[in-house]
Amino acid sequence: MTSWQLVRVFAGSFILLSLALGMQESPLFVSHYWLYFTAFVGANLLQSGFTHWCLLEGILRRLGVARGN
């Protein structure tokens, strides 16, 4: 997998996990404060769409993951 693919996998996983932990209807509910993490991930995806910079992608590239197209 390339770095941009892994960023999307991580972001999607983090969003789904934080929704499961933050929604009262979920059997995994812990606290509604997990929804702030969902917003944080979404905001980072939004800013990376405009700036073409993502911290996680930089970390993955330093770990040797290929950049991709």
PDB file of N, CA and C in Angstrom:
ATOM      1  N   MET A   1       0.839  -1.188   0.000  1.00  0.00           N
ATOM      2  CA  MET A   1       0.000   0.000   0.000  1.00  0.00           C
ATOM      3  C   MET A   1       0.877   1.241   0.000  1.00  0.00           C
ATOM      4  N   THR A   2       0.381   2.272  -0.628  1.00  0.00           N
ATOM      5  CA  THR A   2       1.116   3.533  -0.644  1.00  0.00           C
ATOM      6  C   THR A   2       0.696   4.386   0.554  1.00  0.00           C
ATOM      7  N   SER A   3       1.453   5.452   0.795  1.00  0.00           N
ATOM      8  CA  SER A   3       1.187   6.282   1.971  1.00  0.00           C
ATOM      9  C   SER A   3      -0.195   6.926   1.918  1.00  0.00           C
ATOM     10  N   TRP A   4      -0.628   7.382   0.738  1.00  0.00           N
ATOM     11  CA  TRP A   4      -1.939   8.028   0.669  1.00  0.00           C
ATOM     12  C   TRP A   4      -3.071   7.029   0.904  1.00  0.00           C
ATOM     13  N   GLN A   5      -2.862   5.783   0.510  1.00  0.00           N
ATOM     14  CA  GLN A   5      -3.871   4.756   0.780  1.00  0.00           C
ATOM     15  C   GLN A   5      -3.934   4.451   2.275  1.00  0.00           C
ATOM     16  N   LEU A   6      -2.771   4.355   2.909  1.00  0.00           N
ATOM     17  CA  LEU A   6      -2.743   4.080   4.348  1.00  0.00           C
ATOM     18  C   LEU A   6      -3.347   5.216   5.152  1.00  0.00           C
ATOM     19  N   VAL A   7      -3.136   6.459   4.725  1.00  0.00           N
ATOM     20  CA  VAL A   7      -3.744   7.602   5.413  1.00  0.00           C
ATOM     21  C   VAL A   7      -5.259   7.465   5.399  1.00  0.00           C
ATOM     22  N   ARG A   8      -5.815   7.097   4.279  1.00  0.00           N
ATOM     23  CA  ARG A   8      -7.271   6.948   4.189  1.00  0.00           C
ATOM     24  C   ARG A   8      -7.774   5.767   5.017  1.00  0.00           C
ATOM     25  N   VAL A   9      -7.007   4.690   5.066  1.00  0.00           N
ATOM     26  CA  VAL A   9      -7.382   3.534   5.896  1.00  0.00           C
ATOM     27  C   VAL A   9      -7.362   3.934   7.376  1.00  0.00           C
ATOM     28  N   PHE A  10      -6.299   4.628   7.797  1.00  0.00           N
ATOM     29  CA  PHE A  10      -6.213   5.077   9.184  1.00  0.00           C
ATOM     30  C   PHE A  10      -7.351   6.040   9.514  1.00  0.00           C
ATOM     31  N   ALA A  11      -7.580   7.025   8.638  1.00  0.00           N
ATOM     32  CA  ALA A  11      -8.618   8.024   8.902  1.00  0.00           C
ATOM     33  C   ALA A  11      -9.994   7.363   8.997  1.00  0.00           C
ATOM     34  N   GLY A  12     -10.312   6.501   8.062  1.00  0.00           N
ATOM     35  CA  GLY A  12     -11.597   5.808   8.103  1.00  0.00           C
ATOM     36  C   GLY A  12     -11.750   4.949   9.346  1.00  0.00           C
ATOM     37  N   SER A  13     -10.687   4.257   9.725  1.00  0.00           N
ATOM     38  CA  SER A  13     -10.728   3.416  10.930  1.00  0.00           C
ATOM     39  C   SER A  13     -10.901   4.261  12.184  1.00  0.00           C
ATOM     40  N   PHE A  14     -10.154   5.378  12.271  1.00  0.00           N
ATOM     41  CA  PHE A  14     -10.270   6.257  13.430  1.00  0.00           C
ATOM     42  C   PHE A  14     -11.668   6.859  13.541  1.00  0.00           C
ATOM     43  N   ILE A  15     -12.238   7.245  12.415  1.00  0.00           N
ATOM     44  CA  ILE A  15     -13.583   7.829  12.443  1.00  0.00           C
ATOM     45  C   ILE A  15     -14.607   6.799  12.894  1.00  0.00           C
ATOM     46  N   LEU A  16     -14.555   5.614  12.322  1.00  0.00           N
ATOM     47  CA  LEU A  16     -15.517   4.581  12.714  1.00  0.00           C
ATOM     48  C   LEU A  16     -15.357   4.173  14.176  1.00  0.00           C
ATOM     49  N   LEU A  17     -14.108   4.031  14.634  1.00  0.00           N
ATOM     50  CA  LEU A  17     -13.870   3.659  16.027  1.00  0.00           C
ATOM     51  C   LEU A  17     -14.345   4.752  16.978  1.00  0.00           C
ATOM     52  N   SER A  18     -14.021   6.013  16.672  1.00  0.00           N
ATOM     53  CA  SER A  18     -14.436   7.091  17.573  1.00  0.00           C
ATOM     54  C   SER A  18     -15.952   7.270  17.574  1.00  0.00           C
ATOM     55  N   LEU A  19     -16.610   7.020  16.454  1.00  0.00           N
ATOM     56  CA  LEU A  19     -18.077   7.053  16.449  1.00  0.00           C
ATOM     57  C   LEU A  19     -18.646   5.928  17.304  1.00  0.00           C
ATOM     58  N   ALA A  20     -18.056   4.742  17.213  1.00  0.00           N
ATOM     59  CA  ALA A  20     -18.522   3.619  18.030  1.00  0.00           C
ATOM     60  C   ALA A  20     -18.333   3.900  19.518  1.00  0.00           C
ATOM     61  N   LEU A  21     -17.252   4.586  19.876  1.00  0.00           N
ATOM     62  CA  LEU A  21     -16.992   4.895  21.280  1.00  0.00           C
ATOM     63  C   LEU A  21     -17.749   6.122  21.770  1.00  0.00           C
ATOM     64  N   GLY A  22     -18.225   6.974  20.836  1.00  0.00           N
ATOM     65  CA  GLY A  22     -18.846   8.229  21.233  1.00  0.00           C
ATOM     66  C   GLY A  22     -20.352   8.306  21.095  1.00  0.00           C
ATOM     67  N   MET A  23     -20.973   7.369  20.408  1.00  0.00           N
ATOM     68  CA  MET A  23     -22.424   7.394  20.226  1.00  0.00           C
ATOM     69  C   MET A  23     -23.105   6.561  21.310  1.00  0.00           C
ATOM     70  N   GLN A  24     -24.066   7.146  21.980  1.00  0.00           N
ATOM     71  CA  GLN A  24     -24.732   6.444  23.077  1.00  0.00           C
ATOM     72  C   GLN A  24     -25.466   5.190  22.609  1.00  0.00           C
ATOM     73  N   GLU A  25     -25.866   5.163  21.357  1.00  0.00           N
ATOM     74  CA  GLU A  25     -26.584   4.004  20.821  1.00  0.00           C
ATOM     75  C   GLU A  25     -25.667   2.808  20.572  1.00  0.00           C
ATOM     76  N   SER A  26     -24.364   3.037  20.613  1.00  0.00           N
ATOM     77  CA  SER A  26     -23.401   1.984  20.321  1.00  0.00           C
ATOM     78  C   SER A  26     -23.177   1.084  21.535  1.00  0.00           C
ATOM     79  N   PRO A  27     -23.016  -0.217  21.307  1.00  0.00           N
ATOM     80  CA  PRO A  27     -22.703  -1.111  22.433  1.00  0.00           C
ATOM     81  C   PRO A  27     -21.288  -0.876  22.978  1.00  0.00           C
ATOM     82  N   LEU A  28     -20.453  -0.148  22.246  1.00  0.00           N
ATOM     83  CA  LEU A  28     -19.088   0.144  22.682  1.00  0.00           C
ATOM     84  C   LEU A  28     -18.964   1.526  23.325  1.00  0.00           C
ATOM     85  N   PHE A  29     -20.088   2.199  23.571  1.00  0.00           N
ATOM     86  CA  PHE A  29     -20.082   3.569  24.078  1.00  0.00           C
ATOM     87  C   PHE A  29     -19.230   3.713  25.332  1.00  0.00           C
ATOM     88  N   VAL A  30     -18.372   4.744  25.323  1.00  0.00           N
ATOM     89  CA  VAL A  30     -17.540   5.084  26.478  1.00  0.00           C
ATOM     90  C   VAL A  30     -17.886   6.490  26.958  1.00  0.00           C
ATOM     91  N   SER A  31     -17.798   7.453  26.045  1.00  0.00           N
ATOM     92  CA  SER A  31     -18.057   8.852  26.386  1.00  0.00           C
ATOM     93  C   SER A  31     -18.348   9.630  25.113  1.00  0.00           C
ATOM     94  N   HIS A  32     -19.205  10.638  25.232  1.00  0.00           N
ATOM     95  CA  HIS A  32     -19.505  11.463  24.066  1.00  0.00           C
ATOM     96  C   HIS A  32     -18.306  12.314  23.643  1.00  0.00           C
ATOM     97  N   TYR A  33     -17.298  12.430  24.492  1.00  0.00           N
ATOM     98  CA  TYR A  33     -16.102  13.200  24.162  1.00  0.00           C
ATOM     99  C   TYR A  33     -15.306  12.573  23.012  1.00  0.00           C
ATOM    100  N   TRP A  34     -15.539  11.300  22.706  1.00  0.00           N
ATOM    101  CA  TRP A  34     -14.875  10.668  21.564  1.00  0.00           C
ATOM    102  C   TRP A  34     -15.296  11.318  20.250  1.00  0.00           C
ATOM    103  N   LEU A  35     -16.435  11.982  20.227  1.00  0.00           N
ATOM    104  CA  LEU A  35     -16.886  12.648  19.005  1.00  0.00           C
ATOM    105  C   LEU A  35     -15.976  13.816  18.638  1.00  0.00           C
ATOM    106  N   TYR A  36     -15.276  14.394  19.625  1.00  0.00           N
ATOM    107  CA  TYR A  36     -14.291  15.429  19.323  1.00  0.00           C
ATOM    108  C   TYR A  36     -13.150  14.854  18.486  1.00  0.00           C
ATOM    109  N   PHE A  37     -12.789  13.617  18.735  1.00  0.00           N
ATOM    110  CA  PHE A  37     -11.748  12.972  17.942  1.00  0.00           C
ATOM    111  C   PHE A  37     -12.219  12.779  16.501  1.00  0.00           C
ATOM    112  N   THR A  38     -13.496  12.438  16.339  1.00  0.00           N
ATOM    113  CA  THR A  38     -14.066  12.315  15.000  1.00  0.00           C
ATOM    114  C   THR A  38     -13.944  13.642  14.256  1.00  0.00           C
ATOM    115  N   ALA A  39     -14.292  14.733  14.932  1.00  0.00           N
ATOM    116  CA  ALA A  39     -14.194  16.064  14.330  1.00  0.00           C
ATOM    117  C   ALA A  39     -12.744  16.420  14.010  1.00  0.00           C
ATOM    118  N   PHE A  40     -11.821  16.045  14.875  1.00  0.00           N
ATOM    119  CA  PHE A  40     -10.403  16.319  14.660  1.00  0.00           C
ATOM    120  C   PHE A  40      -9.899  15.625  13.397  1.00  0.00           C
ATOM    121  N   VAL A  41     -10.239  14.360  13.232  1.00  0.00           N
ATOM    122  CA  VAL A  41      -9.811  13.610  12.042  1.00  0.00           C
ATOM    123  C   VAL A  41     -10.429  14.230  10.789  1.00  0.00           C
ATOM    124  N   GLY A  42     -11.705  14.569  10.856  1.00  0.00           N
ATOM    125  CA  GLY A  42     -12.361  15.195   9.711  1.00  0.00           C
ATOM    126  C   GLY A  42     -11.742  16.528   9.352  1.00  0.00           C
ATOM    127  N   ALA A  43     -11.402  17.331  10.349  1.00  0.00           N
ATOM    128  CA  ALA A  43     -10.768  18.629  10.102  1.00  0.00           C
ATOM    129  C   ALA A  43      -9.395  18.449   9.464  1.00  0.00           C
ATOM    130  N   ASN A  44      -8.652  17.448   9.910  1.00  0.00           N
ATOM    131  CA  ASN A  44      -7.347  17.187   9.309  1.00  0.00           C
ATOM    132  C   ASN A  44      -7.474  16.726   7.862  1.00  0.00           C
ATOM    133  N   LEU A  45      -8.473  15.917   7.562  1.00  0.00           N
ATOM    134  CA  LEU A  45      -8.699  15.512   6.175  1.00  0.00           C
ATOM    135  C   LEU A  45      -9.056  16.723   5.316  1.00  0.00           C
ATOM    136  N   LEU A  46      -9.868  17.617   5.861  1.00  0.00           N
ATOM    137  CA  LEU A  46     -10.260  18.809   5.134  1.00  0.00           C
ATOM    138  C   LEU A  46      -9.058  19.708   4.849  1.00  0.00           C
ATOM    139  N   GLN A  47      -8.245  19.974   5.871  1.00  0.00           N
ATOM    140  CA  GLN A  47      -7.085  20.845   5.663  1.00  0.00           C
ATOM    141  C   GLN A  47      -6.076  20.206   4.720  1.00  0.00           C
ATOM    142  N   SER A  48      -5.903  18.894   4.771  1.00  0.00           N
ATOM    143  CA  SER A  48      -4.940  18.257   3.869  1.00  0.00           C
ATOM    144  C   SER A  48      -5.422  18.306   2.423  1.00  0.00           C
ATOM    145  N   GLY A  49      -6.729  18.370   2.225  1.00  0.00           N
ATOM    146  CA  GLY A  49      -7.261  18.512   0.877  1.00  0.00           C
ATOM    147  C   GLY A  49      -6.902  19.853   0.263  1.00  0.00           C
ATOM    148  N   PHE A  50      -6.813  20.884   1.102  1.00  0.00           N
ATOM    149  CA  PHE A  50      -6.467  22.224   0.612  1.00  0.00           C
ATOM    150  C   PHE A  50      -4.964  22.473   0.580  1.00  0.00           C
ATOM    151  N   THR A  51      -4.244  21.951   1.573  1.00  0.00           N
ATOM    152  CA  THR A  51      -2.822  22.267   1.699  1.00  0.00           C
ATOM    153  C   THR A  51      -1.912  21.214   1.077  1.00  0.00           C
ATOM    154  N   HIS A  52      -2.447  20.034   0.795  1.00  0.00           N
ATOM    155  CA  HIS A  52      -1.663  18.909   0.272  1.00  0.00           C
ATOM    156  C   HIS A  52      -0.573  18.481   1.254  1.00  0.00           C
ATOM    157  N   TRP A  53      -0.813  18.659   2.557  1.00  0.00           N
ATOM    158  CA  TRP A  53       0.118  18.250   3.598  1.00  0.00           C
ATOM    159  C   TRP A  53      -0.640  17.471   4.663  1.00  0.00           C
ATOM    160  N   CYS A  54      -0.071  16.333   5.059  1.00  0.00           N
ATOM    161  CA  CYS A  54      -0.672  15.492   6.083  1.00  0.00           C
ATOM    162  C   CYS A  54       0.443  14.938   6.970  1.00  0.00           C
ATOM    163  N   LEU A  55       0.326  15.152   8.268  1.00  0.00           N
ATOM    164  CA  LEU A  55       1.354  14.693   9.207  1.00  0.00           C
ATOM    165  C   LEU A  55       1.528  13.182   9.136  1.00  0.00           C
ATOM    166  N   LEU A  56       0.439  12.427   9.120  1.00  0.00           N
ATOM    167  CA  LEU A  56       0.537  10.970   9.080  1.00  0.00           C
ATOM    168  C   LEU A  56       1.252  10.498   7.817  1.00  0.00           C
ATOM    169  N   GLU A  57       0.983  11.144   6.704  1.00  0.00           N
ATOM    170  CA  GLU A  57       1.667  10.739   5.472  1.00  0.00           C
ATOM    171  C   GLU A  57       3.165  10.998   5.579  1.00  0.00           C
ATOM    172  N   GLY A  58       3.552  12.104   6.200  1.00  0.00           N
ATOM    173  CA  GLY A  58       4.973  12.381   6.409  1.00  0.00           C
ATOM    174  C   GLY A  58       5.628  11.334   7.296  1.00  0.00           C
ATOM    175  N   ILE A  59       4.923  10.916   8.339  1.00  0.00           N
ATOM    176  CA  ILE A  59       5.448   9.879   9.241  1.00  0.00           C
ATOM    177  C   ILE A  59       5.601   8.559   8.494  1.00  0.00           C
ATOM    178  N   LEU A  60       4.584   8.198   7.718  1.00  0.00           N
ATOM    179  CA  LEU A  60       4.641   6.943   6.963  1.00  0.00           C
ATOM    180  C   LEU A  60       5.776   6.950   5.950  1.00  0.00           C
ATOM    181  N   ARG A  61       6.006   8.087   5.312  1.00  0.00           N
ATOM    182  CA  ARG A  61       7.091   8.175   4.323  1.00  0.00           C
ATOM    183  C   ARG A  61       8.440   8.035   5.007  1.00  0.00           C
ATOM    184  N   ARG A  62       8.590   8.591   6.223  1.00  0.00           N
ATOM    185  CA  ARG A  62       9.845   8.435   6.960  1.00  0.00           C
ATOM    186  C   ARG A  62      10.074   6.991   7.392  1.00  0.00           C
ATOM    187  N   LEU A  63       8.973   6.256   7.534  1.00  0.00           N
ATOM    188  CA  LEU A  63       9.077   4.839   7.886  1.00  0.00           C
ATOM    189  C   LEU A  63       9.339   3.964   6.668  1.00  0.00           C
ATOM    190  N   GLY A  64       9.404   4.590   5.483  1.00  0.00           N
ATOM    191  CA  GLY A  64       9.758   3.846   4.288  1.00  0.00           C
ATOM    192  C   GLY A  64       8.597   3.425   3.408  1.00  0.00           C
ATOM    193  N   VAL A  65       7.398   3.921   3.685  1.00  0.00           N
ATOM    194  CA  VAL A  65       6.253   3.576   2.861  1.00  0.00           C
ATOM    195  C   VAL A  65       6.313   4.407   1.574  1.00  0.00           C
ATOM    196  N   ALA A  66       6.040   3.779   0.459  1.00  0.00           N
ATOM    197  CA  ALA A  66       6.089   4.466  -0.835  1.00  0.00           C
ATOM    198  C   ALA A  66       5.031   5.557  -0.909  1.00  0.00           C
ATOM    199  N   ARG A  67       5.342   6.642  -1.620  1.00  0.00           N
ATOM    200  CA  ARG A  67       4.465   7.802  -1.719  1.00  0.00           C
ATOM    201  C   ARG A  67       3.190   7.513  -2.493  1.00  0.00           C
ATOM    202  N   GLY A  68       3.267   6.900  -3.598  1.00  0.00           N
ATOM    203  CA  GLY A  68       2.084   6.647  -4.439  1.00  0.00           C
ATOM    204  C   GLY A  68       1.882   7.757  -5.429  1.00  0.00           C
ATOM    205  N   ASN A  69       0.779   7.702  -6.167  1.00  0.00           N
ATOM    206  CA  ASN A  69       0.526   8.706  -7.217  1.00  0.00           C
ATOM    207  C   ASN A  69      -0.209   9.859  -6.667  1.00  0.00           C
TER     208      ASN A  69
END
